Amino acid sequence: MASIPYNRILVGIDGSKQAKRAVLKAIASAKRNDAELIIATVMRQSATKTSFGYIDQEMLDEVKTEFEELVAKYKQAALDEGLKNVETIVKYGNPKTELANTLPLEKGVDLIILGATGANVVERMMMGSTASYVVANAASDVLIIRTNQANEPLKR
């Protein structure tokens, strides 16, 4: 039986080590499939009270700039590996719905790749993980990265 290649691969990042592993595997998968790679990060936009004060728009803009630099670095890594079609997205929104539904529908994505989790234990208990939501709600295939580049289990 012939395998059907993926044409558009979306990888979601959040700055975590797990997301970096997901990007590296997404680059390899896009290369194998001669696919377009979309590297995306979605940040929640809200002025929020935290234990150390309010997070205001200026702080959010600084974080957005850091993510723009990170996705640009990942894009360059993909181009260095020989990929020709690499798009980056840094936007505000709900990461769960954007990665599971909105971006895949807008971009015609047929594979979503995410790290197992980028959230800490408290965040997962409070919000649930983005990866869990995407697995349960995406219309396209989802690959959750749990191994390193040599497919060895990650050390916990």
C-alpha atoms as a PDB file:
ATOM      1  CA  MET A   1       0.000   0.000   0.000  1.00  0.00           C
ATOM      2  CA  ALA A   2       1.424   3.363  -1.006  1.00  0.00           C
ATOM      3  CA  SER A   3       1.702   6.014   1.664  1.00  0.00           C
ATOM      4  CA  ILE A   4       0.042   9.347   1.125  1.00  0.00           C
ATOM      5  CA  PRO A   5       2.366  12.248   1.911  1.00  0.00           C
ATOM      6  CA  TYR A   6       1.444  15.183   4.079  1.00  0.00           C
ATOM      7  CA  ASN A   7       1.436  18.462   2.143  1.00  0.00           C
ATOM      8  CA  ARG A   8       1.075  21.099   4.858  1.00  0.00           C
ATOM      9  CA  ILE A   9       2.476  20.561   8.315  1.00  0.00           C
ATOM     10  CA  LEU A  10       1.703  22.895  11.214  1.00  0.00           C
ATOM     11  CA  VAL A  11       3.977  22.860  14.246  1.00  0.00           C
ATOM     12  CA  GLY A  12       2.896  24.767  17.339  1.00  0.00           C
ATOM     13  CA  ILE A  13       5.553  26.237  19.603  1.00  0.00           C
ATOM     14  CA  ASP A  14       5.545  27.828  23.033  1.00  0.00           C
ATOM     15  CA  GLY A  15       9.247  28.287  23.763  1.00  0.00           C
ATOM     16  CA  SER A  16       9.566  25.018  25.700  1.00  0.00           C
ATOM     17  CA  LYS A  17      12.103  22.224  25.192  1.00  0.00           C
ATOM     18  CA  GLN A  18       9.260  19.989  24.052  1.00  0.00           C
ATOM     19  CA  ALA A  19       8.299  22.517  21.386  1.00  0.00           C
ATOM     20  CA  LYS A  20      11.897  22.674  20.146  1.00  0.00           C
ATOM     21  CA  ARG A  21      11.876  18.877  19.743  1.00  0.00           C
ATOM     22  CA  ALA A  22       8.568  19.156  17.890  1.00  0.00           C
ATOM     23  CA  VAL A  23      10.039  21.732  15.494  1.00  0.00           C
ATOM     24  CA  LEU A  24      13.044  19.522  14.752  1.00  0.00           C
ATOM     25  CA  LYS A  25      10.780  16.548  14.030  1.00  0.00           C
ATOM     26  CA  ALA A  26       8.435  18.752  11.974  1.00  0.00           C
ATOM     27  CA  ILE A  27      11.365  19.931   9.847  1.00  0.00           C
ATOM     28  CA  ALA A  28      12.419  16.305   9.254  1.00  0.00           C
ATOM     29  CA  SER A  29       8.849  15.295   8.406  1.00  0.00           C
ATOM     30  CA  ALA A  30       8.354  18.231   6.038  1.00  0.00           C
ATOM     31  CA  LYS A  31      11.628  17.366   4.325  1.00  0.00           C
ATOM     32  CA  ARG A  32      10.614  13.680   3.927  1.00  0.00           C
ATOM     33  CA  ASN A  33       7.208  14.651   2.568  1.00  0.00           C
ATOM     34  CA  ASP A  34       8.392  17.624   0.484  1.00  0.00           C
ATOM     35  CA  ALA A  35       5.740  19.548   2.418  1.00  0.00           C
ATOM     36  CA  GLU A  36       5.133  23.144   3.350  1.00  0.00           C
ATOM     37  CA  LEU A  37       5.970  23.856   6.997  1.00  0.00           C
ATOM     38  CA  ILE A  38       4.033  26.345   9.083  1.00  0.00           C
ATOM     39  CA  ILE A  39       5.656  27.292  12.408  1.00  0.00           C
ATOM     40  CA  ALA A  40       3.140  28.982  14.685  1.00  0.00           C
ATOM     41  CA  THR A  41       2.821  30.358  18.158  1.00  0.00           C
ATOM     42  CA  VAL A  42      -0.423  31.675  19.583  1.00  0.00           C
ATOM     43  CA  MET A  43      -0.372  33.879  22.655  1.00  0.00           C
ATOM     44  CA  ARG A  44      -3.280  34.737  24.878  1.00  0.00           C
ATOM     45  CA  GLN A  45      -3.942  38.475  24.795  1.00  0.00           C
ATOM     46  CA  SER A  46      -5.240  39.919  28.005  1.00  0.00           C
ATOM     47  CA  ALA A  47      -4.125  42.358  30.618  1.00  0.00           C
ATOM     48  CA  THR A  48      -4.009  40.004  33.563  1.00  0.00           C
ATOM     49  CA  LYS A  49      -3.385  40.431  37.254  1.00  0.00           C
ATOM     50  CA  THR A  50      -0.571  38.179  38.478  1.00  0.00           C
ATOM     51  CA  SER A  51       1.180  37.792  41.813  1.00  0.00           C
ATOM     52  CA  PHE A  52       3.656  40.481  40.778  1.00  0.00           C
ATOM     53  CA  GLY A  53       1.263  42.973  39.185  1.00  0.00           C
ATOM     54  CA  TYR A  54      -0.497  43.440  35.873  1.00  0.00           C
ATOM     55  CA  ILE A  55       0.738  42.136  32.555  1.00  0.00           C
ATOM     56  CA  ASP A  56       0.054  45.050  30.245  1.00  0.00           C
ATOM     57  CA  GLN A  57       0.140  45.447  26.452  1.00  0.00           C
ATOM     58  CA  GLU A  58       3.751  46.641  26.495  1.00  0.00           C
ATOM     59  CA  MET A  59       4.839  43.426  28.216  1.00  0.00           C
ATOM     60  CA  LEU A  60       2.760  41.360  25.777  1.00  0.00           C
ATOM     61  CA  ASP A  61       4.416  43.148  22.856  1.00  0.00           C
ATOM     62  CA  GLU A  62       7.859  42.315  24.268  1.00  0.00           C
ATOM     63  CA  VAL A  63       6.910  38.652  24.522  1.00  0.00           C
ATOM     64  CA  LYS A  64       5.529  38.763  20.968  1.00  0.00           C
ATOM     65  CA  THR A  65       8.850  40.157  19.731  1.00  0.00           C
ATOM     66  CA  GLU A  66      10.706  37.318  21.473  1.00  0.00           C
ATOM     67  CA  PHE A  67       8.444  34.761  19.801  1.00  0.00           C
ATOM     68  CA  GLU A  68       8.913  36.441  16.415  1.00  0.00           C
ATOM     69  CA  GLU A  69      12.669  36.045  16.855  1.00  0.00           C
ATOM     70  CA  LEU A  70      12.254  32.408  17.912  1.00  0.00           C
ATOM     71  CA  VAL A  71      10.071  31.434  14.943  1.00  0.00           C
ATOM     72  CA  ALA A  72      12.489  33.268  12.619  1.00  0.00           C
ATOM     73  CA  LYS A  73      15.316  31.149  14.057  1.00  0.00           C
ATOM     74  CA  TYR A  74      13.299  27.965  13.510  1.00  0.00           C
ATOM     75  CA  LYS A  75      12.422  29.084   9.969  1.00  0.00           C
ATOM     76  CA  GLN A  76      16.099  29.577   9.191  1.00  0.00           C
ATOM     77  CA  ALA A  77      16.860  26.101  10.550  1.00  0.00           C
ATOM     78  CA  ALA A  78      14.203  24.671   8.217  1.00  0.00           C
ATOM     79  CA  LEU A  79      15.587  26.582   5.240  1.00  0.00           C
ATOM     80  CA  ASP A  80      19.086  25.376   6.131  1.00  0.00           C
ATOM     81  CA  GLU A  81      17.735  21.796   5.961  1.00  0.00           C
ATOM     82  CA  GLY A  82      16.575  22.432   2.404  1.00  0.00           C
ATOM     83  CA  LEU A  83      12.897  23.221   2.904  1.00  0.00           C
ATOM     84  CA  LYS A  84      11.598  25.673   0.352  1.00  0.00           C
ATOM     85  CA  ASN A  85       8.191  26.603   1.753  1.00  0.00           C
ATOM     86  CA  VAL A  86       8.279  27.749   5.363  1.00  0.00           C
ATOM     87  CA  GLU A  87       5.752  30.140   6.859  1.00  0.00           C
ATOM     88  CA  THR A  88       5.775  31.622  10.338  1.00  0.00           C
ATOM     89  CA  ILE A  89       2.833  32.852  12.370  1.00  0.00           C
ATOM     90  CA  VAL A  90       2.924  34.768  15.653  1.00  0.00           C
ATOM     91  CA  LYS A  91      -0.485  35.888  16.784  1.00  0.00           C
ATOM     92  CA  TYR A  92      -2.763  36.538  19.715  1.00  0.00           C
ATOM     93  CA  GLY A  93      -5.705  34.245  20.366  1.00  0.00           C
ATOM     94  CA  ASN A  94      -6.702  31.041  22.099  1.00  0.00           C
ATOM     95  CA  PRO A  95      -3.841  28.567  21.464  1.00  0.00           C
ATOM     96  CA  LYS A  96      -6.113  25.544  21.747  1.00  0.00           C
ATOM     97  CA  THR A  97      -8.702  26.578  19.173  1.00  0.00           C
ATOM     98  CA  GLU A  98      -6.224  28.293  16.875  1.00  0.00           C
ATOM     99  CA  LEU A  99      -3.961  25.225  16.658  1.00  0.00           C
ATOM    100  CA  ALA A 100      -6.780  22.660  16.543  1.00  0.00           C
ATOM    101  CA  ASN A 101      -9.210  24.396  14.204  1.00  0.00           C
ATOM    102  CA  THR A 102      -8.644  27.919  12.942  1.00  0.00           C
ATOM    103  CA  LEU A 103      -5.118  27.679  11.528  1.00  0.00           C
ATOM    104  CA  PRO A 104      -5.546  24.163  10.074  1.00  0.00           C
ATOM    105  CA  LEU A 105      -8.709  25.254   8.245  1.00  0.00           C
ATOM    106  CA  GLU A 106      -7.233  28.561   7.047  1.00  0.00           C
ATOM    107  CA  LYS A 107      -3.992  26.972   5.853  1.00  0.00           C
ATOM    108  CA  GLY A 108      -5.230  23.583   4.626  1.00  0.00           C
ATOM    109  CA  VAL A 109      -3.093  21.720   7.167  1.00  0.00           C
ATOM    110  CA  ASP A 110      -3.130  17.927   7.037  1.00  0.00           C
ATOM    111  CA  LEU A 111      -0.728  17.264   9.954  1.00  0.00           C
ATOM    112  CA  ILE A 112      -0.318  19.098  13.272  1.00  0.00           C
ATOM    113  CA  ILE A 113       2.820  18.451  15.320  1.00  0.00           C
ATOM    114  CA  LEU A 114       3.119  19.481  18.968  1.00  0.00           C
ATOM    115  CA  GLY A 115       5.381  18.738  21.907  1.00  0.00           C
ATOM    116  CA  ALA A 116       3.819  16.527  24.560  1.00  0.00           C
ATOM    117  CA  THR A 117       3.322  19.529  26.836  1.00  0.00           C
ATOM    118  CA  GLY A 118       4.880  22.907  27.418  1.00  0.00           C
ATOM    119  CA  ALA A 119       2.819  23.773  30.472  1.00  0.00           C
ATOM    120  CA  ASN A 120       3.836  23.086  34.014  1.00  0.00           C
ATOM    121  CA  VAL A 121       1.738  20.855  36.295  1.00  0.00           C
ATOM    122  CA  VAL A 122      -0.285  23.730  37.786  1.00  0.00           C
ATOM    123  CA  GLU A 123      -1.084  25.179  34.339  1.00  0.00           C
ATOM    124  CA  ARG A 124      -2.221  21.770  33.073  1.00  0.00           C
ATOM    125  CA  MET A 125      -4.495  21.335  36.107  1.00  0.00           C
ATOM    126  CA  MET A 126      -5.975  24.805  35.693  1.00  0.00           C
ATOM    127  CA  MET A 127      -6.324  24.993  31.904  1.00  0.00           C
ATOM    128  CA  GLY A 128      -5.708  21.509  30.525  1.00  0.00           C
ATOM    129  CA  SER A 129      -2.925  21.085  28.050  1.00  0.00           C
ATOM    130  CA  THR A 130      -3.100  22.533  24.573  1.00  0.00           C
ATOM    131  CA  ALA A 131      -1.798  19.233  23.193  1.00  0.00           C
ATOM    132  CA  SER A 132      -4.664  17.304  24.820  1.00  0.00           C
ATOM    133  CA  TYR A 133      -7.209  19.718  23.395  1.00  0.00           C
ATOM    134  CA  VAL A 134      -5.729  19.568  19.898  1.00  0.00           C
ATOM    135  CA  VAL A 135      -5.658  15.754  19.923  1.00  0.00           C
ATOM    136  CA  ALA A 136      -9.319  15.645  20.956  1.00  0.00           C
ATOM    137  CA  ASN A 137     -10.603  18.357  18.597  1.00  0.00           C
ATOM    138  CA  ALA A 138      -8.467  18.672  15.457  1.00  0.00           C
ATOM    139  CA  ALA A 139      -9.918  17.610  12.137  1.00  0.00           C
ATOM    140  CA  SER A 140      -6.484  16.645  10.778  1.00  0.00           C
ATOM    141  CA  ASP A 141      -3.882  14.154  11.955  1.00  0.00           C
ATOM    142  CA  VAL A 142      -1.970  15.106  15.098  1.00  0.00           C
ATOM    143  CA  LEU A 143       1.499  13.926  16.063  1.00  0.00           C
ATOM    144  CA  ILE A 144       2.579  14.438  19.677  1.00  0.00           C
ATOM    145  CA  ILE A 145       6.352  14.366  20.125  1.00  0.00           C
ATOM    146  CA  ARG A 146       7.539  12.335  23.101  1.00  0.00           C
ATOM    147  CA  THR A 147      10.995  11.304  21.839  1.00  0.00           C
ATOM    148  CA  ASN A 148      14.232  12.955  20.788  1.00  0.00           C
ATOM    149  CA  GLN A 149      15.613  13.055  17.253  1.00  0.00           C
ATOM    150  CA  ALA A 150      16.872   9.465  17.598  1.00  0.00           C
ATOM    151  CA  ASN A 151      13.361   8.367  18.687  1.00  0.00           C
ATOM    152  CA  GLU A 152      14.599   7.633  22.201  1.00  0.00           C
ATOM    153  CA  PRO A 153      12.247   8.349  25.100  1.00  0.00           C
ATOM    154  CA  LEU A 154      12.853  11.682  26.770  1.00  0.00           C
ATOM    155  CA  LYS A 155      14.395  11.669  30.215  1.00  0.00           C
ATOM    156  CA  ARG A 156      11.986  12.929  32.848  1.00  0.00           C
END
